[in-house]
Amino acid sequence: MILSPLQVHFFISGKIYTFHLSNHQTMCGRYTLSSKQIQIERRFNARAEAVIKETYNAAPSHPLPVIAADFAGKILFFRWGLSMPEKGYRSSHLLINIKAETLFEKEYFSRLVTHQRCIVPADGFYEWERRGKISQPYFFRMKEGALFAFAGIWEKYLLPGGETMYAFAIITTQANELMGRIHHRMPVILRKEDESRWLNRPVEKDFLQEVMHSLPAGEMESYPVSMAVNNPGINDPSLIRPVHLPGFPSLF
């Protein structure tokens, strides 16, 4: 089956940049950061360099809050999606997820996970279940809706014209039992006690491999939501409200 690419666009200093994202790379392809800025700053003990707006539909190519070791105590905005350096950022397909199992197999990703790790603040994410001819979105979060951090890697790019841009990708792993009902993979969610060590350098390879596993299913919950989340232009609280599906128990 041939997968047609999706196009995403964004502006930097008045210029438009177009990127392509293949359908098979959309896990994890949308997430939320709907908490207030003061809550995010307190939870991660860092100050934001710009206003953090409530986000219910974070999508690839969006500038999103990230904390990287090279910028200690700061929450910066990196674009979601890496590309292989030999192809040039402008013409490459975006890599929004990187498999934990293969991170050390390619020299480029091995360098990033060894020297350029980041954490990506979030309070939920979406995944789609194929139901006949439609794909039904589900919302996943920590029980009680607590903030958490995805494990990520980041890169610095020089764009045409000499401008600098930072970008990131989220690391994925095998799904836990809850996620496995919908998809065979899930994003790596770091335990709070592992976040600072993930950011610190140097760190043992054994530790990196140890933490890049799925979070226990008992710490999470999920429920079906509206297909309006399919549209990245929609960003409001209605996206995370439960919808009723036949045979699916009500959460509330």
Protein backbone atom coordinates (compact mmCIF):
# COMPACT_ATOMS: atom_id res chain seq x y z
CA MET A 1 0.00 0.00 0.00
CA ILE A 2 1.35 3.43 -0.92
CA LEU A 3 0.89 6.05 1.78
CA SER A 4 0.30 9.57 0.53
CA PRO A 5 2.19 12.19 2.55
CA LEU A 6 0.51 14.90 4.56
CA GLN A 7 1.77 18.43 4.13
CA VAL A 8 2.36 20.81 7.01
CA HIS A 9 3.32 24.45 6.72
CA PHE A 10 4.72 27.09 9.03
CA PHE A 11 6.22 30.56 8.83
CA ILE A 12 9.61 31.75 10.07
CA SER A 13 10.47 35.43 9.68
CA GLY A 14 7.92 35.89 6.93
CA LYS A 15 8.96 32.82 4.94
CA ILE A 16 6.82 29.73 4.46
CA TYR A 17 8.33 26.27 4.91
CA THR A 18 6.54 23.13 3.70
CA PHE A 19 7.19 19.65 5.12
CA HIS A 20 5.78 16.21 4.50
CA LEU A 21 4.64 13.71 7.09
CA SER A 22 3.76 10.16 6.13
CA ASN A 23 0.56 8.66 7.56
CA HIS A 24 2.51 5.78 9.15
CA GLN A 25 4.36 8.25 11.39
CA THR A 26 1.35 9.59 13.26
CA MET A 27 1.90 7.61 16.49
CA CYS A 28 2.11 9.61 18.77
CA GLY A 29 0.80 12.31 16.42
CA ARG A 30 -1.29 14.62 18.63
CA TYR A 31 -1.15 15.54 22.30
CA THR A 32 -2.38 18.12 24.81
CA LEU A 33 -0.86 20.62 27.18
CA SER A 34 -3.96 22.26 28.58
CA SER A 35 -2.63 23.08 32.06
CA LYS A 36 -2.05 26.68 33.13
CA GLN A 37 1.42 28.11 32.59
CA ILE A 38 2.04 28.57 36.31
CA GLN A 39 1.22 24.89 36.89
CA ILE A 40 3.64 23.81 34.17
CA GLU A 41 6.43 26.02 35.48
CA ARG A 42 5.97 24.76 39.03
CA ARG A 43 5.72 21.11 38.01
CA PHE A 44 8.94 21.23 35.98
CA ASN A 45 10.77 23.86 38.04
CA ALA A 46 11.47 25.99 34.97
CA ARG A 47 10.47 29.36 33.58
CA ALA A 48 8.90 29.78 30.14
CA GLU A 49 10.60 32.14 27.69
CA ALA A 50 7.21 32.96 26.13
CA VAL A 51 3.52 32.59 26.94
CA ILE A 52 2.38 28.96 27.05
CA LYS A 53 -1.11 28.83 25.61
CA GLU A 54 -3.52 26.04 26.51
CA THR A 55 -3.13 23.42 23.80
CA TYR A 56 -5.70 20.69 23.15
CA ASN A 57 -4.38 19.67 19.74
CA ALA A 58 -0.59 19.88 19.53
CA ALA A 59 0.39 18.70 16.04
CA PRO A 60 3.58 18.13 14.04
CA SER A 61 5.44 21.31 12.96
CA HIS A 62 3.86 23.31 15.82
CA PRO A 63 6.26 25.21 18.11
CA LEU A 64 5.74 23.51 21.49
CA PRO A 65 7.19 23.76 25.02
CA VAL A 66 10.32 21.69 25.59
CA ILE A 67 12.93 21.49 28.35
CA ALA A 68 16.45 20.59 27.23
CA ALA A 69 19.58 20.10 29.32
CA ASP A 70 21.51 22.74 27.37
CA PHE A 71 18.97 25.36 28.49
CA ALA A 72 18.70 24.57 32.19
CA GLY A 73 15.72 26.05 34.03
CA LYS A 74 14.06 27.27 30.83
CA ILE A 75 11.00 26.15 28.89
CA LEU A 76 11.65 26.89 25.23
CA PHE A 77 9.60 26.37 22.08
CA PHE A 78 10.92 23.79 19.59
CA ARG A 79 9.22 22.65 16.39
CA TRP A 80 7.79 19.13 16.54
CA GLY A 81 9.52 17.03 13.90
CA LEU A 82 13.13 16.14 13.05
CA SER A 83 14.66 15.33 9.69
CA MET A 84 17.79 13.49 8.67
CA PRO A 85 20.61 16.04 8.35
CA GLU A 86 22.00 14.74 5.06
CA LYS A 87 18.69 15.55 3.28
CA GLY A 88 18.34 19.09 4.54
CA TYR A 89 15.47 20.17 6.79
CA ARG A 90 13.48 21.91 4.09
CA SER A 91 13.06 18.89 1.80
CA SER A 92 12.85 16.05 4.31
CA HIS A 93 9.93 14.16 5.76
CA LEU A 94 9.29 15.02 9.39
CA LEU A 95 10.23 12.39 11.94
CA ILE A 96 7.91 13.04 14.87
CA ASN A 97 8.50 9.70 16.63
CA ILE A 98 11.65 7.63 17.05
CA LYS A 99 11.56 3.99 18.21
CA ALA A 100 13.38 3.40 21.48
CA GLU A 101 14.47 -0.05 20.30
CA THR A 102 16.44 1.34 17.34
CA LEU A 103 17.80 4.61 18.77
CA PHE A 104 21.32 3.27 19.12
CA GLU A 105 21.38 1.53 15.74
CA LYS A 106 21.80 4.69 13.66
CA GLU A 107 24.73 7.00 14.33
CA TYR A 108 22.62 10.15 14.06
CA PHE A 109 19.97 9.12 16.57
CA SER A 110 22.58 7.55 18.85
CA ARG A 111 24.32 10.93 19.03
CA LEU A 112 21.08 12.74 19.82
CA VAL A 113 19.96 10.36 22.58
CA THR A 114 23.46 10.43 24.07
CA HIS A 115 23.97 14.19 24.01
CA GLN A 116 20.70 15.98 23.14
CA ARG A 117 17.82 14.68 25.19
CA CYS A 118 14.78 16.70 26.19
CA ILE A 119 11.51 16.32 28.02
CA VAL A 120 8.21 17.36 26.46
CA PRO A 121 5.56 18.53 28.96
CA ALA A 122 2.06 17.17 28.32
CA ASP A 123 -1.15 16.22 30.10
CA GLY A 124 -2.61 13.83 27.54
CA PHE A 125 -2.33 12.41 24.04
CA TYR A 126 -4.53 10.93 21.33
CA GLU A 127 -4.48 7.66 19.44
CA TRP A 128 -6.83 6.28 16.80
CA GLU A 129 -8.55 2.88 16.65
CA ARG A 130 -9.64 1.50 13.31
CA ARG A 131 -13.37 0.73 13.53
CA GLY A 132 -14.54 -0.51 10.14
CA LYS A 133 -14.08 2.31 7.67
CA ILE A 134 -13.44 4.99 10.28
CA SER A 135 -10.68 5.73 12.77
CA GLN A 136 -12.02 6.53 16.23
CA PRO A 137 -9.81 8.82 18.36
CA TYR A 138 -9.18 8.05 22.03
CA PHE A 139 -7.71 10.35 24.66
CA PHE A 140 -5.07 8.96 27.04
CA ARG A 141 -3.95 10.64 30.25
CA MET A 142 -2.63 9.99 33.71
CA LYS A 143 -5.27 9.21 36.32
CA GLU A 144 -6.36 12.50 37.94
CA GLY A 145 -5.14 14.31 34.83
CA ALA A 146 -1.65 15.03 36.17
CA LEU A 147 1.08 16.67 34.09
CA PHE A 148 3.80 14.36 32.78
CA ALA A 149 6.76 14.40 30.39
CA PHE A 150 7.45 12.53 27.17
CA ALA A 151 11.04 11.46 26.59
CA GLY A 152 12.44 13.28 23.57
CA ILE A 153 15.51 14.15 21.55
CA TRP A 154 16.25 17.47 19.88
CA GLU A 155 18.36 19.02 17.15
CA LYS A 156 19.49 22.45 15.98
CA TYR A 157 19.09 23.31 12.29
CA LEU A 158 20.40 26.11 10.10
CA LEU A 159 17.69 27.15 7.65
CA PRO A 160 18.19 28.85 4.28
CA GLY A 161 19.02 32.47 4.97
CA GLY A 162 21.07 31.64 8.04
CA GLU A 163 18.22 31.38 10.54
CA THR A 164 18.44 28.90 13.41
CA MET A 165 15.62 26.55 14.35
CA TYR A 166 15.30 23.92 17.08
CA ALA A 167 13.18 20.79 16.64
CA PHE A 168 12.34 17.65 18.61
CA ALA A 169 10.91 14.16 18.30
CA ILE A 170 9.12 11.97 20.85
CA ILE A 171 10.50 8.52 21.63
CA THR A 172 8.07 5.60 21.44
CA THR A 173 8.08 2.09 22.87
CA GLN A 174 5.91 -1.03 23.03
CA ALA A 175 2.38 -0.31 24.23
CA ASN A 176 1.15 -1.25 27.71
CA GLU A 177 -2.09 -3.20 28.17
CA LEU A 178 -4.32 -0.12 28.08
CA MET A 179 -2.73 1.35 24.99
CA GLY A 180 -2.38 -2.04 23.33
CA ARG A 181 -6.14 -2.24 22.79
CA ILE A 182 -5.80 0.62 20.31
CA HIS A 183 -2.21 0.59 19.02
CA HIS A 184 0.90 -1.55 19.41
CA ARG A 185 3.10 1.40 20.37
CA MET A 186 2.96 4.36 22.76
CA PRO A 187 5.10 7.37 23.69
CA VAL A 188 7.75 6.94 26.39
CA ILE A 189 6.42 8.70 29.52
CA LEU A 190 9.13 9.34 32.07
CA ARG A 191 8.56 8.88 35.76
CA LYS A 192 8.94 12.15 37.61
CA GLU A 193 12.01 10.91 39.48
CA ASP A 194 13.74 10.07 36.18
CA GLU A 195 13.17 13.40 34.43
CA SER A 196 16.19 15.29 35.80
CA ARG A 197 18.48 12.36 35.17
CA TRP A 198 17.18 12.05 31.61
CA LEU A 199 18.25 15.65 31.06
CA ASN A 200 21.64 15.40 32.75
CA ARG A 201 24.83 14.50 30.91
CA PRO A 202 26.61 12.16 30.87
CA VAL A 203 24.36 9.23 31.70
CA GLU A 204 24.80 5.49 31.34
CA LYS A 205 23.36 3.73 28.30
CA ASP A 206 21.85 1.14 30.64
CA PHE A 207 19.79 3.88 32.34
CA LEU A 208 18.52 5.20 29.01
CA GLN A 209 17.40 1.75 27.94
CA GLU A 210 15.86 1.12 31.36
CA VAL A 211 13.58 4.16 31.33
CA MET A 212 12.50 3.87 27.69
CA HIS A 213 9.73 1.41 28.49
CA SER A 214 5.96 1.73 28.69
CA LEU A 215 4.37 3.19 31.80
CA PRO A 216 2.19 0.67 33.71
CA ALA A 217 -1.38 0.66 32.42
CA GLY A 218 -2.77 1.06 35.94
CA GLU A 219 -1.43 4.62 36.11
CA MET A 220 -3.37 5.72 33.04
CA GLU A 221 -6.90 5.98 31.73
CA SER A 222 -8.48 6.50 28.31
CA TYR A 223 -11.82 7.18 26.66
CA PRO A 224 -13.18 7.94 23.16
CA VAL A 225 -13.42 11.55 22.01
CA SER A 226 -14.80 13.51 19.08
CA MET A 227 -13.33 13.10 15.61
CA ALA A 228 -12.97 16.89 15.54
CA VAL A 229 -9.43 16.31 16.81
CA ASN A 230 -8.57 15.15 13.29
CA ASN A 231 -8.55 18.82 12.29
CA PRO A 232 -5.34 20.45 13.64
CA GLY A 233 -6.98 23.84 13.25
CA ILE A 234 -9.43 23.07 16.08
CA ASN A 235 -8.02 23.75 19.54
CA ASP A 236 -10.54 23.92 22.38
CA PRO A 237 -11.60 21.91 25.47
CA SER A 238 -14.36 20.10 23.59
CA LEU A 239 -11.69 17.88 22.02
CA ILE A 240 -11.04 16.04 25.29
CA ARG A 241 -14.68 15.58 26.32
CA PRO A 242 -15.77 11.92 26.31
CA VAL A 243 -18.19 10.75 23.65
CA HIS A 244 -20.39 7.70 23.96
CA LEU A 245 -19.65 4.66 21.83
CA PRO A 246 -21.89 1.57 21.82
CA GLY A 247 -20.35 -1.05 24.10
CA PHE A 248 -17.89 1.38 25.68
CA PRO A 249 -18.42 2.05 29.42
CA SER A 250 -19.03 5.62 30.47
CA LEU A 251 -16.11 7.22 32.30
CA PHE A 252 -18.23 9.80 34.08
